[in-house]
Amino acid sequence: MTELMGVVNVTPDSFSDGGLYLDPEAAIAHGRELAAAGAEILDVGGESTRPGADPVGEEEELRRVVPVIRGLSGSRSRISVDTSKAAVAADALDAGAEIVNDVTALRGDPEMAGLCAERGATVVLMHMLGEPRTMQEDPRYEDVVDAVKAFLAERLEAAVAAGVAEERVWLDPGIGFGKTGAHNMELLRRLGELCELGRPLVVGTSRKSFIGRVDGSPADQRLGGTIASSVLAAAEGADVLRVHDVAEMRQALAVATAVLG
């Protein structure tokens, strides 16, 4: 069955829940709630990657995420750290994380690939056009699926060449990261083509703006669109769904699985 990665944002400026869990104890409590609701993975991040987001310094990111990861270690869920900084990843792994979710696909820090290889961490490589501050400034592709597939294939090859075991690499098409609404829809429709790369696929549509473009809904009212897009992604081959609303998504997946057999 498709696994759920619950989002634990320890940030003041994430697009849908910024500031709600900036306090470490609040973030730990939230993570435990997501684990109890059925999240197999908890993805802890201390730097917002919403469109237009400013970067966060290493020390501040460490201050945000390490106490939360330490507090969640030992829970029923595996811990992922959402970072592109090797120093943050290293301390997070020391604190109990097993997965490094890197939106730059190991391009943001020259030390990251070697660290993940040395530590035997699972690595999520995501496609992003540009960087968070600029990624939504008129993104264009001749064929978005072909472009994302070629990029992920190249980053997979680079990770393995750097010593990361291929079986420890997951791939993420980066819904909303340098894509228009039409690009996101095309990626979800043709997700099966990315499955041809032979690695687990992580897909995150939760509360994203392309849902709002369909019906005008704000970020905190996109649960229905999140469920619809996530269930369709699972049916097309997604192995991990990154979501904010774990209990509702778990129920939706269970029903979809029962219907589809």
C-alpha atoms as a PDB file:
ATOM      1  CA  MET A   1       0.000   0.000   0.000  1.00  0.00           C
ATOM      2  CA  THR A   2       1.143   3.536  -0.698  1.00  0.00           C
ATOM      3  CA  GLU A   3       2.925   5.077   2.288  1.00  0.00           C
ATOM      4  CA  LEU A   4       2.138   8.465   3.794  1.00  0.00           C
ATOM      5  CA  MET A   5       4.761  11.062   4.622  1.00  0.00           C
ATOM      6  CA  GLY A   6       3.342  13.503   7.157  1.00  0.00           C
ATOM      7  CA  VAL A   7       4.513  17.122   6.935  1.00  0.00           C
ATOM      8  CA  VAL A   8       6.036  18.671  10.073  1.00  0.00           C
ATOM      9  CA  ASN A   9       6.920  22.276   9.192  1.00  0.00           C
ATOM     10  CA  VAL A  10       9.016  23.977  11.869  1.00  0.00           C
ATOM     11  CA  THR A  11       8.849  27.304  10.043  1.00  0.00           C
ATOM     12  CA  PRO A  12       7.196  30.719  10.383  1.00  0.00           C
ATOM     13  CA  ASP A  13       6.439  31.074   6.678  1.00  0.00           C
ATOM     14  CA  SER A  14       5.326  27.797   5.079  1.00  0.00           C
ATOM     15  CA  PHE A  15       2.437  28.417   2.702  1.00  0.00           C
ATOM     16  CA  SER A  16      -0.348  26.625   4.613  1.00  0.00           C
ATOM     17  CA  ASP A  17       0.746  26.146   8.225  1.00  0.00           C
ATOM     18  CA  GLY A  18       3.638  28.570   8.744  1.00  0.00           C
ATOM     19  CA  GLY A  19       4.117  29.433  12.395  1.00  0.00           C
ATOM     20  CA  LEU A  20       1.714  26.820  13.789  1.00  0.00           C
ATOM     21  CA  TYR A  21       4.513  24.472  14.855  1.00  0.00           C
ATOM     22  CA  LEU A  22       7.508  26.787  15.206  1.00  0.00           C
ATOM     23  CA  ASP A  23       7.719  25.896  18.902  1.00  0.00           C
ATOM     24  CA  PRO A  24       9.577  22.556  19.174  1.00  0.00           C
ATOM     25  CA  GLU A  25       7.103  21.073  21.646  1.00  0.00           C
ATOM     26  CA  ALA A  26       4.187  21.964  19.367  1.00  0.00           C
ATOM     27  CA  ALA A  27       5.997  20.416  16.390  1.00  0.00           C
ATOM     28  CA  ILE A  28       6.777  17.240  18.350  1.00  0.00           C
ATOM     29  CA  ALA A  29       3.160  16.937  19.479  1.00  0.00           C
ATOM     30  CA  HIS A  30       1.966  17.451  15.906  1.00  0.00           C
ATOM     31  CA  GLY A  31       4.390  14.819  14.618  1.00  0.00           C
ATOM     32  CA  ARG A  32       3.147  12.326  17.197  1.00  0.00           C
ATOM     33  CA  GLU A  33      -0.434  13.016  16.113  1.00  0.00           C
ATOM     34  CA  LEU A  34       0.502  12.339  12.483  1.00  0.00           C
ATOM     35  CA  ALA A  35       2.274   9.130  13.492  1.00  0.00           C
ATOM     36  CA  ALA A  36      -0.773   7.984  15.465  1.00  0.00           C
ATOM     37  CA  ALA A  37      -2.951   8.756  12.434  1.00  0.00           C
ATOM     38  CA  GLY A  38      -0.872   6.388  10.326  1.00  0.00           C
ATOM     39  CA  ALA A  39       2.042   8.321   8.826  1.00  0.00           C
ATOM     40  CA  GLU A  40       4.815   5.854   8.055  1.00  0.00           C
ATOM     41  CA  ILE A  41       7.233   8.776   7.610  1.00  0.00           C
ATOM     42  CA  LEU A  42       7.467  12.188   9.291  1.00  0.00           C
ATOM     43  CA  ASP A  43       9.150  14.855   7.141  1.00  0.00           C
ATOM     44  CA  VAL A  44      10.625  17.561   9.382  1.00  0.00           C
ATOM     45  CA  GLY A  45      11.663  20.809   7.713  1.00  0.00           C
ATOM     46  CA  GLY A  46      13.008  24.097   9.037  1.00  0.00           C
ATOM     47  CA  GLU A  47      13.204  26.105   5.819  1.00  0.00           C
ATOM     48  CA  SER A  48      10.156  26.996   3.752  1.00  0.00           C
ATOM     49  CA  THR A  49      10.383  26.157   0.049  1.00  0.00           C
ATOM     50  CA  ARG A  50       7.153  27.909  -0.942  1.00  0.00           C
ATOM     51  CA  PRO A  51       7.367  30.121  -4.045  1.00  0.00           C
ATOM     52  CA  GLY A  52       9.233  33.308  -3.182  1.00  0.00           C
ATOM     53  CA  ALA A  53      10.640  31.980   0.091  1.00  0.00           C
ATOM     54  CA  ASP A  54      13.897  33.419   1.393  1.00  0.00           C
ATOM     55  CA  PRO A  55      16.704  31.048   2.432  1.00  0.00           C
ATOM     56  CA  VAL A  56      17.354  30.244   6.096  1.00  0.00           C
ATOM     57  CA  GLY A  57      20.813  30.163   7.651  1.00  0.00           C
ATOM     58  CA  GLU A  58      22.354  26.874   8.708  1.00  0.00           C
ATOM     59  CA  GLU A  59      22.386  27.616  12.446  1.00  0.00           C
ATOM     60  CA  GLU A  60      18.740  28.692  12.472  1.00  0.00           C
ATOM     61  CA  GLU A  61      17.677  25.638  10.495  1.00  0.00           C
ATOM     62  CA  LEU A  62      19.562  23.383  12.892  1.00  0.00           C
ATOM     63  CA  ARG A  63      17.957  25.124  15.868  1.00  0.00           C
ATOM     64  CA  ARG A  64      14.529  24.474  14.424  1.00  0.00           C
ATOM     65  CA  VAL A  65      14.743  20.869  13.282  1.00  0.00           C
ATOM     66  CA  VAL A  66      17.173  18.956  15.501  1.00  0.00           C
ATOM     67  CA  PRO A  67      15.183  19.165  18.775  1.00  0.00           C
ATOM     68  CA  VAL A  68      12.039  18.098  16.905  1.00  0.00           C
ATOM     69  CA  ILE A  69      13.733  15.121  15.250  1.00  0.00           C
ATOM     70  CA  ARG A  70      15.248  14.112  18.553  1.00  0.00           C
ATOM     71  CA  GLY A  71      11.812  14.340  20.191  1.00  0.00           C
ATOM     72  CA  LEU A  72      10.198  12.230  17.468  1.00  0.00           C
ATOM     73  CA  SER A  73      12.896   9.587  17.229  1.00  0.00           C
ATOM     74  CA  GLY A  74      11.716   6.290  18.589  1.00  0.00           C
ATOM     75  CA  SER A  75       8.162   6.844  17.343  1.00  0.00           C
ATOM     76  CA  ARG A  76       6.475   4.321  15.087  1.00  0.00           C
ATOM     77  CA  SER A  77       7.327   6.473  12.048  1.00  0.00           C
ATOM     78  CA  ARG A  78      10.616   6.834  10.200  1.00  0.00           C
ATOM     79  CA  ILE A  79      11.984  10.375  10.278  1.00  0.00           C
ATOM     80  CA  SER A  80      12.908  12.385   7.198  1.00  0.00           C
ATOM     81  CA  VAL A  81      14.706  15.728   7.249  1.00  0.00           C
ATOM     82  CA  ASP A  82      13.668  18.182   4.553  1.00  0.00           C
ATOM     83  CA  THR A  83      16.917  20.049   3.884  1.00  0.00           C
ATOM     84  CA  SER A  84      19.469  20.822   1.198  1.00  0.00           C
ATOM     85  CA  LYS A  85      22.320  21.538   3.663  1.00  0.00           C
ATOM     86  CA  ALA A  86      24.786  18.759   4.482  1.00  0.00           C
ATOM     87  CA  ALA A  87      25.497  20.088   7.986  1.00  0.00           C
ATOM     88  CA  VAL A  88      21.787  20.069   8.820  1.00  0.00           C
ATOM     89  CA  ALA A  89      21.374  16.593   7.351  1.00  0.00           C
ATOM     90  CA  ALA A  90      24.347  15.296   9.363  1.00  0.00           C
ATOM     91  CA  ASP A  91      22.975  16.523  12.688  1.00  0.00           C
ATOM     92  CA  ALA A  92      19.487  15.334  11.769  1.00  0.00           C
ATOM     93  CA  LEU A  93      20.795  11.850  11.023  1.00  0.00           C
ATOM     94  CA  ASP A  94      22.619  11.891  14.363  1.00  0.00           C
ATOM     95  CA  ALA A  95      19.329  12.854  16.045  1.00  0.00           C
ATOM     96  CA  GLY A  96      17.413   9.936  14.533  1.00  0.00           C
ATOM     97  CA  ALA A  97      16.472  10.764  10.930  1.00  0.00           C
ATOM     98  CA  GLU A  98      16.867   8.042   8.299  1.00  0.00           C
ATOM     99  CA  ILE A  99      15.834   9.907   5.152  1.00  0.00           C
ATOM    100  CA  VAL A 100      17.173  13.108   3.560  1.00  0.00           C
ATOM    101  CA  ASN A 101      14.556  14.891   1.450  1.00  0.00           C
ATOM    102  CA  ASP A 102      16.556  17.297  -0.729  1.00  0.00           C
ATOM    103  CA  VAL A 103      14.567  19.641  -2.974  1.00  0.00           C
ATOM    104  CA  THR A 104      17.773  20.467  -4.863  1.00  0.00           C
ATOM    105  CA  ALA A 105      18.424  16.785  -5.698  1.00  0.00           C
ATOM    106  CA  LEU A 106      21.952  16.965  -4.192  1.00  0.00           C
ATOM    107  CA  ARG A 107      22.861  20.094  -6.183  1.00  0.00           C
ATOM    108  CA  GLY A 108      22.573  22.607  -3.344  1.00  0.00           C
ATOM    109  CA  ASP A 109      25.537  21.480  -1.238  1.00  0.00           C
ATOM    110  CA  PRO A 110      28.595  19.689  -2.665  1.00  0.00           C
ATOM    111  CA  GLU A 111      28.976  17.734   0.590  1.00  0.00           C
ATOM    112  CA  MET A 112      25.458  16.293   0.625  1.00  0.00           C
ATOM    113  CA  ALA A 113      25.910  13.325  -1.715  1.00  0.00           C
ATOM    114  CA  GLY A 114      29.021  12.081   0.074  1.00  0.00           C
ATOM    115  CA  LEU A 115      27.374  12.450   3.467  1.00  0.00           C
ATOM    116  CA  CYS A 116      24.307  10.465   2.417  1.00  0.00           C
ATOM    117  CA  ALA A 117      26.508   7.777   0.868  1.00  0.00           C
ATOM    118  CA  GLU A 118      28.683   7.508   3.954  1.00  0.00           C
ATOM    119  CA  ARG A 119      25.734   7.384   6.342  1.00  0.00           C
ATOM    120  CA  GLY A 120      23.610   5.011   4.268  1.00  0.00           C
ATOM    121  CA  ALA A 121      20.677   7.403   4.295  1.00  0.00           C
ATOM    122  CA  THR A 122      17.725   7.100   1.971  1.00  0.00           C
ATOM    123  CA  VAL A 123      17.666  10.152  -0.314  1.00  0.00           C
ATOM    124  CA  VAL A 124      14.704  11.833  -2.006  1.00  0.00           C
ATOM    125  CA  LEU A 125      15.756  13.640  -5.196  1.00  0.00           C
ATOM    126  CA  MET A 126      13.249  16.259  -6.337  1.00  0.00           C
ATOM    127  CA  HIS A 127      12.881  18.169  -9.575  1.00  0.00           C
ATOM    128  CA  MET A 128      12.792  21.948  -9.214  1.00  0.00           C
ATOM    129  CA  LEU A 129      13.224  24.601 -11.887  1.00  0.00           C
ATOM    130  CA  GLY A 130      15.497  27.311 -10.462  1.00  0.00           C
ATOM    131  CA  GLU A 131      15.157  28.014  -6.740  1.00  0.00           C
ATOM    132  CA  PRO A 132      12.187  28.761  -4.472  1.00  0.00           C
ATOM    133  CA  ARG A 133      12.545  32.519  -4.870  1.00  0.00           C
ATOM    134  CA  THR A 134      12.362  32.339  -8.672  1.00  0.00           C
ATOM    135  CA  MET A 135      10.863  28.985  -9.623  1.00  0.00           C
ATOM    136  CA  GLN A 136       7.382  30.290 -10.454  1.00  0.00           C
ATOM    137  CA  GLU A 137       8.565  33.113 -12.714  1.00  0.00           C
ATOM    138  CA  ASP A 138       7.174  31.933 -16.050  1.00  0.00           C
ATOM    139  CA  PRO A 139       8.302  28.261 -16.013  1.00  0.00           C
ATOM    140  CA  ARG A 140       8.395  26.729 -19.507  1.00  0.00           C
ATOM    141  CA  TYR A 141       9.044  23.245 -20.904  1.00  0.00           C
ATOM    142  CA  GLU A 142       8.789  21.713 -24.351  1.00  0.00           C
ATOM    143  CA  ASP A 143       7.369  18.601 -22.640  1.00  0.00           C
ATOM    144  CA  VAL A 144       7.289  18.796 -18.857  1.00  0.00           C
ATOM    145  CA  VAL A 145       7.151  15.037 -18.295  1.00  0.00           C
ATOM    146  CA  ASP A 146      10.085  14.337 -20.602  1.00  0.00           C
ATOM    147  CA  ALA A 147      12.087  17.145 -18.956  1.00  0.00           C
ATOM    148  CA  VAL A 148      11.378  15.971 -15.412  1.00  0.00           C
ATOM    149  CA  LYS A 149      12.081  12.348 -16.320  1.00  0.00           C
ATOM    150  CA  ALA A 150      15.429  13.234 -17.911  1.00  0.00           C
ATOM    151  CA  PHE A 151      16.404  15.365 -14.932  1.00  0.00           C
ATOM    152  CA  LEU A 152      15.530  12.664 -12.389  1.00  0.00           C
ATOM    153  CA  ALA A 153      17.392  10.032 -14.410  1.00  0.00           C
ATOM    154  CA  GLU A 154      20.474  12.256 -14.457  1.00  0.00           C
ATOM    155  CA  ARG A 155      20.283  12.982 -10.720  1.00  0.00           C
ATOM    156  CA  LEU A 156      19.804   9.296  -9.947  1.00  0.00           C
ATOM    157  CA  GLU A 157      22.930   8.517 -11.956  1.00  0.00           C
ATOM    158  CA  ALA A 158      24.843  11.292 -10.174  1.00  0.00           C
ATOM    159  CA  ALA A 159      23.771  10.045  -6.740  1.00  0.00           C
ATOM    160  CA  VAL A 160      24.851   6.488  -7.501  1.00  0.00           C
ATOM    161  CA  ALA A 161      28.152   7.740  -8.933  1.00  0.00           C
ATOM    162  CA  ALA A 162      28.721   9.590  -5.637  1.00  0.00           C
ATOM    163  CA  GLY A 163      28.297   6.356  -3.699  1.00  0.00           C
ATOM    164  CA  VAL A 164      24.616   6.416  -2.745  1.00  0.00           C
ATOM    165  CA  ALA A 165      23.164   2.925  -3.109  1.00  0.00           C
ATOM    166  CA  GLU A 166      20.561   2.910  -5.892  1.00  0.00           C
ATOM    167  CA  GLU A 167      18.078   1.080  -3.667  1.00  0.00           C
ATOM    168  CA  ARG A 168      18.223   4.045  -1.278  1.00  0.00           C
ATOM    169  CA  VAL A 169      17.161   6.637  -3.857  1.00  0.00           C
ATOM    170  CA  TRP A 170      13.573   7.879  -4.176  1.00  0.00           C
ATOM    171  CA  LEU A 171      12.422  10.345  -6.826  1.00  0.00           C
ATOM    172  CA  ASP A 172       9.976  13.271  -6.630  1.00  0.00           C
ATOM    173  CA  PRO A 173       8.618  15.118  -9.703  1.00  0.00           C
ATOM    174  CA  GLY A 174       8.303  18.313  -7.649  1.00  0.00           C
ATOM    175  CA  ILE A 175       4.648  19.225  -8.080  1.00  0.00           C
ATOM    176  CA  GLY A 176       4.451  23.015  -7.822  1.00  0.00           C
ATOM    177  CA  PHE A 177       8.204  23.568  -7.961  1.00  0.00           C
ATOM    178  CA  GLY A 178       8.736  25.573 -11.124  1.00  0.00           C
ATOM    179  CA  LYS A 179       5.547  24.385 -12.827  1.00  0.00           C
ATOM    180  CA  THR A 180       2.313  25.959 -13.941  1.00  0.00           C
ATOM    181  CA  GLY A 181      -1.013  24.386 -13.045  1.00  0.00           C
ATOM    182  CA  ALA A 182      -1.085  22.748 -16.469  1.00  0.00           C
ATOM    183  CA  HIS A 183       2.399  21.321 -15.931  1.00  0.00           C
ATOM    184  CA  ASN A 184       1.315  19.814 -12.594  1.00  0.00           C
ATOM    185  CA  MET A 185      -1.777  18.233 -14.144  1.00  0.00           C
ATOM    186  CA  GLU A 186       0.279  16.754 -16.990  1.00  0.00           C
ATOM    187  CA  LEU A 187       2.785  15.254 -14.545  1.00  0.00           C
ATOM    188  CA  LEU A 188      -0.007  13.658 -12.519  1.00  0.00           C
ATOM    189  CA  ARG A 189      -1.722  12.304 -15.669  1.00  0.00           C
ATOM    190  CA  ARG A 190       1.518  10.751 -16.938  1.00  0.00           C
ATOM    191  CA  LEU A 191       3.069   9.700 -13.646  1.00  0.00           C
ATOM    192  CA  GLY A 192       3.418   6.172 -14.965  1.00  0.00           C
ATOM    193  CA  GLU A 193       6.173   7.381 -17.301  1.00  0.00           C
ATOM    194  CA  LEU A 194       8.251   8.389 -14.289  1.00  0.00           C
ATOM    195  CA  CYS A 195       7.702   4.951 -12.752  1.00  0.00           C
ATOM    196  CA  GLU A 196       9.761   3.634 -15.667  1.00  0.00           C
ATOM    197  CA  LEU A 197      12.856   4.997 -13.888  1.00  0.00           C
ATOM    198  CA  GLY A 198      12.517   2.057 -11.513  1.00  0.00           C
ATOM    199  CA  ARG A 199      12.730   3.925  -8.216  1.00  0.00           C
ATOM    200  CA  PRO A 200      10.011   4.717  -5.653  1.00  0.00           C
ATOM    201  CA  LEU A 201       8.116   7.908  -6.446  1.00  0.00           C
ATOM    202  CA  VAL A 202       7.277  10.528  -3.818  1.00  0.00           C
ATOM    203  CA  VAL A 203       4.424  12.862  -4.787  1.00  0.00           C
ATOM    204  CA  GLY A 204       3.327  15.927  -2.835  1.00  0.00           C
ATOM    205  CA  THR A 205       0.164  17.724  -3.949  1.00  0.00           C
ATOM    206  CA  SER A 206      -1.090  18.595  -0.471  1.00  0.00           C
ATOM    207  CA  ARG A 207      -2.851  21.999  -0.313  1.00  0.00           C
ATOM    208  CA  LYS A 208      -0.855  23.306  -3.285  1.00  0.00           C
ATOM    209  CA  SER A 209      -1.893  26.281  -5.377  1.00  0.00           C
ATOM    210  CA  PHE A 210      -2.770  24.302  -8.517  1.00  0.00           C
ATOM    211  CA  ILE A 211      -5.757  22.943  -6.561  1.00  0.00           C
ATOM    212  CA  GLY A 212      -6.867  26.480  -5.788  1.00  0.00           C
ATOM    213  CA  ARG A 213      -6.622  27.398  -9.453  1.00  0.00           C
ATOM    214  CA  VAL A 214      -9.296  24.803 -10.202  1.00  0.00           C
ATOM    215  CA  ASP A 215     -11.918  26.086  -7.752  1.00  0.00           C
ATOM    216  CA  GLY A 216     -10.530  29.245  -6.135  1.00  0.00           C
ATOM    217  CA  SER A 217     -10.018  27.629  -2.734  1.00  0.00           C
ATOM    218  CA  PRO A 218      -7.461  29.046  -0.249  1.00  0.00           C
ATOM    219  CA  ALA A 219      -4.674  26.838   1.130  1.00  0.00           C
ATOM    220  CA  ASP A 220      -6.607  25.786   4.248  1.00  0.00           C
ATOM    221  CA  GLN A 221      -9.615  24.615   2.211  1.00  0.00           C
ATOM    222  CA  ARG A 222      -7.957  22.248  -0.265  1.00  0.00           C
ATOM    223  CA  LEU A 223      -8.419  18.904   1.480  1.00  0.00           C
ATOM    224  CA  GLY A 224     -10.796  17.574  -1.180  1.00  0.00           C
ATOM    225  CA  GLY A 225      -8.440  18.487  -3.989  1.00  0.00           C
ATOM    226  CA  THR A 226      -5.519  17.026  -2.066  1.00  0.00           C
ATOM    227  CA  ILE A 227      -7.348  13.728  -1.626  1.00  0.00           C
ATOM    228  CA  ALA A 228      -8.441  13.570  -5.272  1.00  0.00           C
ATOM    229  CA  SER A 229      -4.995  14.328  -6.679  1.00  0.00           C
ATOM    230  CA  SER A 230      -3.217  12.061  -4.186  1.00  0.00           C
ATOM    231  CA  VAL A 231      -5.487   9.066  -4.776  1.00  0.00           C
ATOM    232  CA  LEU A 232      -5.049   9.500  -8.535  1.00  0.00           C
ATOM    233  CA  ALA A 233      -1.279   9.702  -8.041  1.00  0.00           C
ATOM    234  CA  ALA A 234      -1.317   6.491  -6.008  1.00  0.00           C
ATOM    235  CA  ALA A 235      -3.345   4.778  -8.719  1.00  0.00           C
ATOM    236  CA  GLU A 236      -0.744   5.894 -11.278  1.00  0.00           C
ATOM    237  CA  GLY A 237       2.118   4.426  -9.249  1.00  0.00           C
ATOM    238  CA  ALA A 238       3.142   6.863  -6.489  1.00  0.00           C
ATOM    239  CA  ASP A 239       4.788   4.964  -3.644  1.00  0.00           C
ATOM    240  CA  VAL A 240       4.828   7.765  -1.052  1.00  0.00           C
ATOM    241  CA  LEU A 241       2.379  10.656  -0.684  1.00  0.00           C
ATOM    242  CA  ARG A 242       3.591  13.734   1.203  1.00  0.00           C
ATOM    243  CA  VAL A 243       0.535  15.188   2.969  1.00  0.00           C
ATOM    244  CA  HIS A 244      -0.553  17.466   5.800  1.00  0.00           C
ATOM    245  CA  ASP A 245      -3.838  15.639   6.591  1.00  0.00           C
ATOM    246  CA  VAL A 246      -2.771  12.093   7.354  1.00  0.00           C
ATOM    247  CA  ALA A 247      -5.944  10.635   8.897  1.00  0.00           C
ATOM    248  CA  GLU A 248      -8.172  11.765   6.035  1.00  0.00           C
ATOM    249  CA  MET A 249      -5.665  10.620   3.442  1.00  0.00           C
ATOM    250  CA  ARG A 250      -5.287   7.232   5.107  1.00  0.00           C
ATOM    251  CA  GLN A 251      -9.047   6.685   4.923  1.00  0.00           C
ATOM    252  CA  ALA A 252      -9.194   7.800   1.300  1.00  0.00           C
ATOM    253  CA  LEU A 253      -6.406   5.422   0.328  1.00  0.00           C
ATOM    254  CA  ALA A 254      -8.011   2.533   2.182  1.00  0.00           C
ATOM    255  CA  VAL A 255     -11.308   3.024   0.368  1.00  0.00           C
ATOM    256  CA  ALA A 256      -9.631   3.494  -3.023  1.00  0.00           C
ATOM    257  CA  THR A 257      -7.574   0.349  -2.469  1.00  0.00           C
ATOM    258  CA  ALA A 258     -10.682  -1.629  -1.486  1.00  0.00           C
ATOM    259  CA  VAL A 259     -12.534  -0.470  -4.600  1.00  0.00           C
ATOM    260  CA  LEU A 260      -9.652  -1.033  -7.000  1.00  0.00           C
ATOM    261  CA  GLY A 261      -8.577  -4.272  -5.385  1.00  0.00           C
END
